[in-house]
C-alpha atoms as a PDB file:
ATOM      1  CA  MET A   1       8.773   2.030 -15.976  1.00  0.00           C
ATOM      2  CA  VAL A   2       5.666   1.173 -13.949  1.00  0.00           C
ATOM      3  CA  HIS A   3       5.554   3.182 -10.712  1.00  0.00           C
ATOM      4  CA  GLU A   4       2.554   1.643  -8.985  1.00  0.00           C
ATOM      5  CA  ASN A   5       4.197  -0.280  -6.184  1.00  0.00           C
ATOM      6  CA  CYS A   6       5.873   0.205  -2.825  1.00  0.00           C
ATOM      7  CA  GLY A   7       7.105  -2.012  -0.029  1.00  0.00           C
ATOM      8  CA  VAL A   8       6.069  -1.854   3.627  1.00  0.00           C
ATOM      9  CA  ILE A   9       7.375  -3.566   6.749  1.00  0.00           C
ATOM     10  CA  GLY A  10       6.638  -3.598  10.461  1.00  0.00           C
ATOM     11  CA  PHE A  11       8.393  -5.107  13.488  1.00  0.00           C
ATOM     12  CA  PHE A  12       7.579  -5.676  17.141  1.00  0.00           C
ATOM     13  CA  SER A  13       9.921  -7.534  19.506  1.00  0.00           C
ATOM     14  CA  LEU A  14       8.272  -8.973  22.595  1.00  0.00           C
ATOM     15  CA  ASN A  15      11.763  -9.301  24.124  1.00  0.00           C
ATOM     16  CA  GLY A  16      12.525  -5.605  23.696  1.00  0.00           C
ATOM     17  CA  HIS A  17      15.172  -6.349  21.068  1.00  0.00           C
ATOM     18  CA  ASN A  18      16.362  -3.431  18.907  1.00  0.00           C
ATOM     19  CA  VAL A  19      14.667  -4.097  15.554  1.00  0.00           C
ATOM     20  CA  ILE A  20      16.340  -1.333  13.516  1.00  0.00           C
ATOM     21  CA  PRO A  21      18.979  -3.683  11.998  1.00  0.00           C
ATOM     22  CA  TYR A  22      16.051  -5.864  10.863  1.00  0.00           C
ATOM     23  CA  VAL A  23      14.364  -2.785   9.375  1.00  0.00           C
ATOM     24  CA  ILE A  24      17.392  -1.828   7.310  1.00  0.00           C
ATOM     25  CA  ASP A  25      18.026  -5.366   6.042  1.00  0.00           C
ATOM     26  CA  SER A  26      14.375  -6.016   5.172  1.00  0.00           C
ATOM     27  CA  LEU A  27      13.968  -2.694   3.347  1.00  0.00           C
ATOM     28  CA  ARG A  28      17.058  -3.529   1.316  1.00  0.00           C
ATOM     29  CA  ALA A  29      15.422  -6.870   0.464  1.00  0.00           C
ATOM     30  CA  LEU A  30      12.296  -5.018  -0.723  1.00  0.00           C
ATOM     31  CA  GLN A  31      14.257  -2.445  -2.743  1.00  0.00           C
ATOM     32  CA  HIS A  32      12.860  -3.836  -6.015  1.00  0.00           C
ATOM     33  CA  ARG A  33       9.446  -2.544  -4.922  1.00  0.00           C
ATOM     34  CA  GLY A  34      10.557   1.086  -4.635  1.00  0.00           C
ATOM     35  CA  GLN A  35      13.747   2.948  -5.393  1.00  0.00           C
ATOM     36  CA  GLU A  36      12.814   6.632  -5.081  1.00  0.00           C
ATOM     37  CA  ALA A  37      13.070   6.878  -1.297  1.00  0.00           C
ATOM     38  CA  TRP A  38      13.111   4.833   1.886  1.00  0.00           C
ATOM     39  CA  GLY A  39      12.452   5.408   5.552  1.00  0.00           C
ATOM     40  CA  PHE A  40      11.259   4.042   8.861  1.00  0.00           C
ATOM     41  CA  ALA A  41       9.559   5.230  12.034  1.00  0.00           C
ATOM     42  CA  VAL A  42       9.852   4.372  15.734  1.00  0.00           C
ATOM     43  CA  PRO A  43       7.538   5.501  18.546  1.00  0.00           C
ATOM     44  CA  SER A  44       7.620   9.146  19.709  1.00  0.00           C
ATOM     45  CA  LYS A  45      10.208  10.335  17.162  1.00  0.00           C
ATOM     46  CA  PRO A  46      10.002  11.947  13.718  1.00  0.00           C
ATOM     47  CA  PRO A  47      10.443   9.334  10.973  1.00  0.00           C
ATOM     48  CA  TYR A  48      13.857   8.818   9.414  1.00  0.00           C
ATOM     49  CA  LYS A  49      13.661   9.324   5.631  1.00  0.00           C
ATOM     50  CA  SER A  50      16.185   9.355   2.807  1.00  0.00           C
ATOM     51  CA  LEU A  51      16.032   9.696  -0.979  1.00  0.00           C
ATOM     52  CA  GLY A  52      17.430   6.967  -3.198  1.00  0.00           C
ATOM     53  CA  LEU A  53      18.466   3.428  -2.314  1.00  0.00           C
ATOM     54  CA  VAL A  54      18.962   1.956   1.136  1.00  0.00           C
ATOM     55  CA  SER A  55      22.441   0.849   0.124  1.00  0.00           C
ATOM     56  CA  THR A  56      23.551   4.447  -0.584  1.00  0.00           C
ATOM     57  CA  SER A  57      23.440   5.324   3.126  1.00  0.00           C
ATOM     58  CA  ARG A  58      26.751   5.053   4.961  1.00  0.00           C
ATOM     59  CA  ASN A  59      25.789   5.815   8.565  1.00  0.00           C
ATOM     60  CA  PHE A  60      23.939   2.654   9.540  1.00  0.00           C
ATOM     61  CA  LYS A  61      25.701   2.289  12.897  1.00  0.00           C
ATOM     62  CA  SER A  62      24.639   5.733  14.079  1.00  0.00           C
ATOM     63  CA  ILE A  63      21.097   5.169  12.746  1.00  0.00           C
ATOM     64  CA  VAL A  64      20.810   1.906  14.702  1.00  0.00           C
ATOM     65  CA  ARG A  65      21.976   3.627  17.917  1.00  0.00           C
ATOM     66  CA  LYS A  66      19.869   6.764  17.537  1.00  0.00           C
ATOM     67  CA  TYR A  67      16.614   4.992  16.676  1.00  0.00           C
ATOM     68  CA  ASN A  68      17.005   2.014  19.037  1.00  0.00           C
ATOM     69  CA  SER A  69      13.499   0.592  19.408  1.00  0.00           C
ATOM     70  CA  HIS A  70      11.609  -2.669  19.878  1.00  0.00           C
ATOM     71  CA  ALA A  71       8.894  -1.470  17.450  1.00  0.00           C
ATOM     72  CA  ALA A  72       9.122   0.110  14.002  1.00  0.00           C
ATOM     73  CA  ILE A  73       7.548   0.373  10.557  1.00  0.00           C
ATOM     74  CA  GLY A  74       9.314   1.057   7.255  1.00  0.00           C
ATOM     75  CA  HIS A  75       8.785   1.844   3.586  1.00  0.00           C
ATOM     76  CA  VAL A  76      10.428   1.860   0.159  1.00  0.00           C
ATOM     77  CA  ARG A  77       8.690   4.157  -2.309  1.00  0.00           C
ATOM     78  CA  TYR A  78       7.590   4.457  -5.882  1.00  0.00           C
ATOM     79  CA  SER A  79       5.349   7.526  -6.090  1.00  0.00           C
ATOM     80  CA  THR A  80       1.723   7.215  -7.198  1.00  0.00           C
ATOM     81  CA  PHE A  81       0.379  10.623  -6.135  1.00  0.00           C
ATOM     82  CA  GLY A  82       2.563  13.519  -5.044  1.00  0.00           C
ATOM     83  CA  LYS A  83       5.998  14.702  -6.087  1.00  0.00           C
ATOM     84  CA  SER A  84       8.981  12.415  -5.528  1.00  0.00           C
ATOM     85  CA  ASN A  85      10.699  14.390  -2.773  1.00  0.00           C
ATOM     86  CA  LEU A  86      11.828  13.869   0.800  1.00  0.00           C
ATOM     87  CA  GLU A  87       8.701  15.487   2.242  1.00  0.00           C
ATOM     88  CA  ASN A  88       6.489  12.916   0.569  1.00  0.00           C
ATOM     89  CA  ALA A  89       8.749   9.983   1.436  1.00  0.00           C
ATOM     90  CA  GLN A  90       7.288   7.576   3.967  1.00  0.00           C
ATOM     91  CA  PRO A  91       6.503   6.763   6.713  1.00  0.00           C
ATOM     92  CA  LEU A  92       4.424   9.886   7.302  1.00  0.00           C
ATOM     93  CA  LYS A  93       3.555  11.061  10.800  1.00  0.00           C
ATOM     94  CA  ILE A  94       0.196  12.623  11.654  1.00  0.00           C
ATOM     95  CA  LYS A  95       0.052  13.596  15.339  1.00  0.00           C
ATOM     96  CA  ASP A  96       0.831  10.352  17.238  1.00  0.00           C
ATOM     97  CA  LEU A  97       0.312   8.023  14.257  1.00  0.00           C
ATOM     98  CA  CYS A  98       2.893   6.970  11.650  1.00  0.00           C
ATOM     99  CA  ILE A  99       1.810   5.322   8.413  1.00  0.00           C
ATOM    100  CA  ALA A 100       3.461   3.462   5.510  1.00  0.00           C
ATOM    101  CA  HIS A 101       1.368   2.544   2.484  1.00  0.00           C
ATOM    102  CA  ASN A 102       1.503   0.213  -0.502  1.00  0.00           C
ATOM    103  CA  GLY A 103      -1.340   0.722  -2.930  1.00  0.00           C
ATOM    104  CA  THR A 104      -3.202   3.330  -4.945  1.00  0.00           C
ATOM    105  CA  ILE A 105      -6.211   5.284  -3.694  1.00  0.00           C
ATOM    106  CA  ALA A 106      -8.100   6.650  -6.682  1.00  0.00           C
ATOM    107  CA  ASN A 107     -10.482   9.212  -5.155  1.00  0.00           C
ATOM    108  CA  VAL A 108      -7.837  11.574  -3.766  1.00  0.00           C
ATOM    109  CA  GLU A 109      -9.786  14.741  -4.594  1.00  0.00           C
ATOM    110  CA  GLU A 110     -12.810  13.496  -2.676  1.00  0.00           C
ATOM    111  CA  LEU A 111     -10.662  12.580   0.326  1.00  0.00           C
ATOM    112  CA  SER A 112      -8.923  15.948   0.083  1.00  0.00           C
ATOM    113  CA  ASN A 113     -12.244  17.736   0.467  1.00  0.00           C
ATOM    114  CA  MET A 114     -13.002  15.673   3.578  1.00  0.00           C
ATOM    115  CA  VAL A 115      -9.839  16.877   5.333  1.00  0.00           C
ATOM    116  CA  GLY A 116      -9.759  20.498   4.120  1.00  0.00           C
ATOM    117  CA  GLY A 117      -8.281  20.257   0.645  1.00  0.00           C
ATOM    118  CA  CYS A 118      -7.340  23.927   0.318  1.00  0.00           C
ATOM    119  CA  THR A 119      -4.273  23.290   2.515  1.00  0.00           C
ATOM    120  CA  PHE A 120      -2.694  20.971  -0.093  1.00  0.00           C
ATOM    121  CA  SER A 121      -0.725  21.620  -3.257  1.00  0.00           C
ATOM    122  CA  PRO A 122       0.076  19.190  -6.109  1.00  0.00           C
ATOM    123  CA  GLN A 123       3.571  18.838  -4.592  1.00  0.00           C
ATOM    124  CA  THR A 124       2.436  18.003  -1.052  1.00  0.00           C
ATOM    125  CA  MET A 125      -0.784  16.044  -1.590  1.00  0.00           C
ATOM    126  CA  THR A 126      -0.361  12.265  -1.576  1.00  0.00           C
ATOM    127  CA  ASP A 127      -2.975   9.551  -1.270  1.00  0.00           C
ATOM    128  CA  THR A 128      -1.165   8.239   1.819  1.00  0.00           C
ATOM    129  CA  LEU A 129      -1.271  11.618   3.562  1.00  0.00           C
ATOM    130  CA  LEU A 130      -4.983  12.039   2.860  1.00  0.00           C
ATOM    131  CA  ALA A 131      -5.775   8.533   4.120  1.00  0.00           C
ATOM    132  CA  ALA A 132      -3.708   9.118   7.268  1.00  0.00           C
ATOM    133  CA  GLN A 133      -5.371  12.436   8.050  1.00  0.00           C
ATOM    134  CA  ARG A 134      -8.818  10.995   7.486  1.00  0.00           C
ATOM    135  CA  LEU A 135      -7.983   7.972   9.671  1.00  0.00           C
ATOM    136  CA  MET A 136      -6.777  10.287  12.432  1.00  0.00           C
ATOM    137  CA  MET A 137     -10.038  12.256  12.249  1.00  0.00           C
ATOM    138  CA  HIS A 138     -11.994   9.039  12.838  1.00  0.00           C
ATOM    139  CA  LEU A 139      -9.680   7.991  15.698  1.00  0.00           C
ATOM    140  CA  GLU A 140     -10.143  11.370  17.412  1.00  0.00           C
ATOM    141  CA  LYS A 141     -13.912  10.864  17.343  1.00  0.00           C
ATOM    142  CA  ASN A 142     -13.720   7.298  18.610  1.00  0.00           C
ATOM    143  CA  ASP A 143     -10.382   5.865  19.750  1.00  0.00           C
ATOM    144  CA  ASN A 144     -10.990   2.489  18.150  1.00  0.00           C
ATOM    145  CA  MET A 145      -8.837   1.396  15.203  1.00  0.00           C
ATOM    146  CA  ILE A 146     -11.179  -1.316  13.933  1.00  0.00           C
ATOM    147  CA  GLN A 147     -14.164   1.059  13.847  1.00  0.00           C
ATOM    148  CA  ALA A 148     -12.063   3.790  12.242  1.00  0.00           C
ATOM    149  CA  MET A 149     -11.004   1.408   9.462  1.00  0.00           C
ATOM    150  CA  GLN A 150     -14.583   0.270   8.937  1.00  0.00           C
ATOM    151  CA  VAL A 151     -15.529   3.865   8.165  1.00  0.00           C
ATOM    152  CA  LEU A 152     -12.394   4.763   6.206  1.00  0.00           C
ATOM    153  CA  LYS A 153     -12.593   1.799   3.836  1.00  0.00           C
ATOM    154  CA  GLU A 154     -16.047   3.020   2.759  1.00  0.00           C
ATOM    155  CA  GLU A 155     -14.587   6.441   1.951  1.00  0.00           C
ATOM    156  CA  MET A 156     -11.640   5.182  -0.138  1.00  0.00           C
ATOM    157  CA  ILE A 157     -11.677   3.752  -3.646  1.00  0.00           C
ATOM    158  CA  GLY A 158      -8.678   1.661  -4.590  1.00  0.00           C
ATOM    159  CA  SER A 159      -6.207  -0.729  -3.012  1.00  0.00           C
ATOM    160  CA  PHE A 160      -4.183  -0.349   0.175  1.00  0.00           C
ATOM    161  CA  CYS A 161      -1.859  -2.150   2.526  1.00  0.00           C
ATOM    162  CA  PHE A 162      -0.979  -0.071   5.581  1.00  0.00           C
ATOM    163  CA  THR A 163       1.519  -0.567   8.355  1.00  0.00           C
ATOM    164  CA  LEU A 164       0.777   1.782  11.242  1.00  0.00           C
ATOM    165  CA  LEU A 165       2.714   2.715  14.360  1.00  0.00           C
ATOM    166  CA  THR A 166       1.357   4.591  17.375  1.00  0.00           C
ATOM    167  CA  ASP A 167       3.416   6.491  19.916  1.00  0.00           C
ATOM    168  CA  ASP A 168       2.488   3.903  22.554  1.00  0.00           C
ATOM    169  CA  GLY A 169       4.487   1.385  20.466  1.00  0.00           C
ATOM    170  CA  SER A 170       1.681  -0.645  18.909  1.00  0.00           C
ATOM    171  CA  VAL A 171       2.181  -1.873  15.339  1.00  0.00           C
ATOM    172  CA  TYR A 172      -0.763  -2.445  13.005  1.00  0.00           C
ATOM    173  CA  ALA A 173      -1.139  -4.106   9.606  1.00  0.00           C
ATOM    174  CA  VAL A 174      -4.169  -3.428   7.417  1.00  0.00           C
ATOM    175  CA  ARG A 175      -5.011  -5.044   4.074  1.00  0.00           C
ATOM    176  CA  ASP A 176      -7.858  -3.890   1.834  1.00  0.00           C
ATOM    177  CA  THR A 177     -11.060  -5.885   1.497  1.00  0.00           C
ATOM    178  CA  ARG A 178     -10.166  -7.440  -1.856  1.00  0.00           C
ATOM    179  CA  GLY A 179      -6.541  -8.215  -0.932  1.00  0.00           C
ATOM    180  CA  PHE A 180      -5.231  -6.626  -4.117  1.00  0.00           C
ATOM    181  CA  ARG A 181      -1.643  -6.221  -2.845  1.00  0.00           C
ATOM    182  CA  PRO A 182       0.251  -8.895  -0.865  1.00  0.00           C
ATOM    183  CA  LEU A 183       0.986  -8.581   2.858  1.00  0.00           C
ATOM    184  CA  VAL A 184       2.475 -11.333   5.021  1.00  0.00           C
ATOM    185  CA  LEU A 185       3.280 -12.099   8.659  1.00  0.00           C
ATOM    186  CA  GLY A 186       6.548 -13.576   9.890  1.00  0.00           C
ATOM    187  CA  TYR A 187       8.279 -14.473  13.133  1.00  0.00           C
ATOM    188  CA  ILE A 188      11.949 -14.307  14.220  1.00  0.00           C
ATOM    189  CA  GLU A 189      12.300 -16.893  16.963  1.00  0.00           C
ATOM    190  CA  GLU A 190      15.743 -15.798  18.183  1.00  0.00           C
ATOM    191  CA  THR A 191      14.486 -12.383  19.370  1.00  0.00           C
ATOM    192  CA  ASN A 192      10.776 -13.198  19.786  1.00  0.00           C
ATOM    193  CA  THR A 193       9.961 -10.652  17.087  1.00  0.00           C
ATOM    194  CA  TYR A 194       6.904 -10.509  14.845  1.00  0.00           C
ATOM    195  CA  MET A 195       7.283  -9.032  11.395  1.00  0.00           C
ATOM    196  CA  ILE A 196       4.929  -7.681   8.732  1.00  0.00           C
ATOM    197  CA  SER A 197       6.141  -7.376   5.149  1.00  0.00           C
ATOM    198  CA  SER A 198       4.910  -6.839   1.616  1.00  0.00           C
ATOM    199  CA  GLU A 199       6.819  -9.974   0.614  1.00  0.00           C
ATOM    200  CA  SER A 200       8.244 -13.053   2.281  1.00  0.00           C
ATOM    201  CA  CYS A 201      11.712 -12.470   0.779  1.00  0.00           C
ATOM    202  CA  ALA A 202      12.262  -9.796   3.458  1.00  0.00           C
ATOM    203  CA  ILE A 203      11.367 -12.307   6.169  1.00  0.00           C
ATOM    204  CA  ASP A 204      13.931 -14.736   4.770  1.00  0.00           C
ATOM    205  CA  THR A 205      16.580 -12.006   4.812  1.00  0.00           C
ATOM    206  CA  VAL A 206      16.346 -11.599   8.610  1.00  0.00           C
ATOM    207  CA  ASP A 207      16.162 -15.388   9.243  1.00  0.00           C
ATOM    208  CA  GLY A 208      12.483 -15.287  10.042  1.00  0.00           C
ATOM    209  CA  LYS A 209       9.751 -17.811   9.412  1.00  0.00           C
ATOM    210  CA  LEU A 210       6.749 -17.088   7.205  1.00  0.00           C
ATOM    211  CA  LEU A 211       3.571 -17.587   9.246  1.00  0.00           C
ATOM    212  CA  GLY A 212       1.121 -16.750   6.481  1.00  0.00           C
ATOM    213  CA  ASP A 213      -0.783 -13.945   4.823  1.00  0.00           C
ATOM    214  CA  ILE A 214      -2.589 -11.013   6.353  1.00  0.00           C
ATOM    215  CA  GLN A 215      -6.082 -11.763   5.112  1.00  0.00           C
ATOM    216  CA  PRO A 216      -8.090  -9.382   2.911  1.00  0.00           C
ATOM    217  CA  GLY A 217     -10.078  -7.010   5.119  1.00  0.00           C
ATOM    218  CA  GLU A 218      -8.008  -7.911   8.186  1.00  0.00           C
ATOM    219  CA  LEU A 219      -6.555  -5.599  10.818  1.00  0.00           C
ATOM    220  CA  LEU A 220      -3.679  -7.089  12.795  1.00  0.00           C
ATOM    221  CA  LYS A 221      -2.291  -5.477  15.945  1.00  0.00           C
ATOM    222  CA  ILE A 222       1.024  -6.374  17.598  1.00  0.00           C
ATOM    223  CA  SER A 223       1.741  -5.036  21.080  1.00  0.00           C
ATOM    224  CA  SER A 224       3.113  -6.230  24.411  1.00  0.00           C
ATOM    225  CA  LYS A 225      -0.031  -8.382  24.612  1.00  0.00           C
ATOM    226  CA  GLY A 226       1.045 -10.272  21.485  1.00  0.00           C
ATOM    227  CA  ILE A 227      -0.969 -10.544  18.279  1.00  0.00           C
ATOM    228  CA  GLU A 228      -4.617  -9.545  17.954  1.00  0.00           C
ATOM    229  CA  ARG A 229      -6.429 -10.191  14.666  1.00  0.00           C
ATOM    230  CA  GLN A 230      -9.768  -8.704  13.671  1.00  0.00           C
ATOM    231  CA  GLN A 231     -11.774  -8.523  10.469  1.00  0.00           C
ATOM    232  CA  PHE A 232     -12.915  -4.986   9.648  1.00  0.00           C
ATOM    233  CA  SER A 233     -14.451  -5.935   6.296  1.00  0.00           C
ATOM    234  CA  THR A 234     -15.285  -8.941   4.136  1.00  0.00           C
ATOM    235  CA  SER A 235     -15.851  -9.436   0.423  1.00  0.00           C
ATOM    236  CA  GLU A 236     -17.149 -12.242  -1.725  1.00  0.00           C
ATOM    237  CA  TYR A 237     -14.387 -11.566  -4.230  1.00  0.00           C
ATOM    238  CA  HIS A 238     -10.599 -11.684  -3.948  1.00  0.00           C
ATOM    239  CA  SER A 239      -8.638  -9.573  -6.437  1.00  0.00           C
ATOM    240  CA  HIS A 240      -4.973  -9.850  -7.344  1.00  0.00           C
ATOM    241  CA  CYS A 241      -2.561  -7.458  -9.003  1.00  0.00           C
ATOM    242  CA  ALA A 242      -1.443  -9.288 -12.142  1.00  0.00           C
ATOM    243  CA  PHE A 243       1.951  -7.581 -12.019  1.00  0.00           C
ATOM    244  CA  GLU A 244       2.934  -9.134  -8.670  1.00  0.00           C
ATOM    245  CA  PHE A 245       3.481 -12.637 -10.029  1.00  0.00           C
ATOM    246  CA  THR A 246       4.747 -11.526 -13.442  1.00  0.00           C
ATOM    247  CA  TYR A 247       6.937  -8.536 -12.603  1.00  0.00           C
ATOM    248  CA  PHE A 248       6.934  -6.818  -9.194  1.00  0.00           C
ATOM    249  CA  ALA A 249       7.523  -9.575  -6.667  1.00  0.00           C
ATOM    250  CA  HIS A 250      10.908 -11.114  -5.926  1.00  0.00           C
ATOM    251  CA  PRO A 251      11.154 -14.642  -7.395  1.00  0.00           C
ATOM    252  CA  SER A 252      12.003 -16.125  -3.990  1.00  0.00           C
ATOM    253  CA  SER A 253       8.818 -14.766  -2.382  1.00  0.00           C
ATOM    254  CA  THR A 254       5.731 -16.800  -1.603  1.00  0.00           C
ATOM    255  CA  ILE A 255       2.390 -15.042  -2.110  1.00  0.00           C
ATOM    256  CA  GLU A 256      -0.717 -16.753  -0.744  1.00  0.00           C
ATOM    257  CA  GLY A 257       1.013 -20.116  -0.715  1.00  0.00           C
ATOM    258  CA  VAL A 258       2.390 -19.832  -4.263  1.00  0.00           C
ATOM    259  CA  ASN A 259       6.112 -19.439  -4.941  1.00  0.00           C
ATOM    260  CA  VAL A 260       6.666 -16.581  -7.400  1.00  0.00           C
ATOM    261  CA  TYR A 261       9.499 -18.338  -9.277  1.00  0.00           C
ATOM    262  CA  GLU A 262       7.419 -21.484  -9.811  1.00  0.00           C
ATOM    263  CA  ALA A 263       4.415 -19.412 -10.869  1.00  0.00           C
ATOM    264  CA  ARG A 264       6.459 -17.607 -13.529  1.00  0.00           C
ATOM    265  CA  LYS A 265       7.914 -20.858 -14.741  1.00  0.00           C
ATOM    266  CA  LYS A 266       4.434 -22.367 -15.133  1.00  0.00           C
ATOM    267  CA  MET A 267       3.364 -19.272 -17.064  1.00  0.00           C
ATOM    268  CA  GLY A 268       6.184 -20.024 -19.482  1.00  0.00           C
ATOM    269  CA  HIS A 269       4.927 -23.582 -19.924  1.00  0.00           C
ATOM    270  CA  TYR A 270       1.390 -22.366 -20.653  1.00  0.00           C
ATOM    271  CA  LEU A 271       2.684 -19.694 -23.022  1.00  0.00           C
ATOM    272  CA  ALA A 272       4.640 -22.287 -24.999  1.00  0.00           C
ATOM    273  CA  LYS A 273       1.548 -24.472 -25.324  1.00  0.00           C
ATOM    274  CA  LYS A 274      -0.616 -21.584 -26.492  1.00  0.00           C
ATOM    275  CA  TYR A 275       1.956 -19.927 -28.757  1.00  0.00           C
ATOM    276  CA  PRO A 276       4.419 -22.620 -29.855  1.00  0.00           C
ATOM    277  CA  VAL A 277       7.494 -21.794 -31.946  1.00  0.00           C
ATOM    278  CA  LYS A 278       8.779 -25.169 -33.062  1.00  0.00           C
ATOM    279  CA  ASP A 279      11.907 -23.972 -34.852  1.00  0.00           C
ATOM    280  CA  ALA A 280      13.146 -21.540 -32.154  1.00  0.00           C
ATOM    281  CA  ASP A 281      16.861 -21.717 -31.318  1.00  0.00           C
ATOM    282  CA  VAL A 282      16.840 -19.678 -28.116  1.00  0.00           C
ATOM    283  CA  VAL A 283      14.355 -18.113 -25.681  1.00  0.00           C
ATOM    284  CA  ILE A 284      15.396 -14.680 -24.380  1.00  0.00           C
ATOM    285  CA  PRO A 285      13.733 -13.133 -21.288  1.00  0.00           C
ATOM    286  CA  VAL A 286      12.828  -9.423 -21.309  1.00  0.00           C
ATOM    287  CA  PRO A 287      12.905  -7.954 -18.687  1.00  0.00           C
ATOM    288  CA  ASP A 288      15.041  -9.912 -16.223  1.00  0.00           C
ATOM    289  CA  SER A 289      11.990 -10.919 -14.149  1.00  0.00           C
ATOM    290  CA  ALA A 290      10.884 -13.026 -17.145  1.00  0.00           C
ATOM    291  CA  ARG A 291      13.776 -15.482 -16.735  1.00  0.00           C
ATOM    292  CA  PRO A 292      11.683 -18.198 -15.011  1.00  0.00           C
ATOM    293  CA  ALA A 293       8.975 -17.844 -17.680  1.00  0.00           C
ATOM    294  CA  ALA A 294      11.586 -18.114 -20.440  1.00  0.00           C
ATOM    295  CA  LEU A 295      12.946 -21.264 -18.799  1.00  0.00           C
ATOM    296  CA  GLY A 296       9.466 -22.745 -18.596  1.00  0.00           C
ATOM    297  CA  TYR A 297       8.852 -21.905 -22.257  1.00  0.00           C
ATOM    298  CA  ALA A 298      12.141 -23.546 -23.289  1.00  0.00           C
ATOM    299  CA  GLU A 299      11.436 -26.676 -21.233  1.00  0.00           C
ATOM    300  CA  GLU A 300       8.390 -27.424 -23.382  1.00  0.00           C
ATOM    301  CA  TYR A 301      10.771 -28.187 -26.287  1.00  0.00           C
ATOM    302  CA  GLU A 302      13.328 -30.314 -24.477  1.00  0.00           C
END
């Protein structure tokens, strides 16, 4: 099984609505992106984290009461670096900053040396933790998130989508310069709540409206002032993870204006044209995410 993906979310209600029910429902909707652990964070409290699936928890009512908050970030995990244990589950908290990450940072040893690598072990070192500690170092020098990200992105090699939460209740979304992983913005009109998610299927789950994509190299901040959008980096090229449209993403999601189900179905049509089997009796999808492609392949022979 490929373990190179995670799911991140973020919420901020301008009406002060408790967003934790949204967090739980949206993380359940993103469960296909990570099944090792899940968790969320609210301002000024340690993150809540649990191993396994969201659906295995049975104390949702007490969780909603205890972590009542108008702002939160969340995460479902497949591990890339670091052991799959509760300590490495996300969000992680470094001082007054919580972070949830979807992506893979390749130069972890180099980053480790920048933050004092001798304090880490193979069990405790994760690419997310290193990025968070390095980001915090830049913020302590100059309390400016956009400038900190401008420096950090030069120090990291790889892809990243971050949702960040500060103890003052501000929620941030950050997407890498090439836009390798998807990240979208939504809005729940009923509670005047903005939402960040790895996929639009989570927005649909909480009756929200998809507003569009977080752009590559963009930093988005949501606070009591509303939404602020800034570009911390630009690139001539836009990269995409090939697995998103073929395997990872939920078929109901829309990524950069393209519906995943329709994209897979079109792939099936193209595959049938390139590799026709005129005397085939049945087309069988393997794995289950290939069903739309199998349908598209079969439609070429109707």
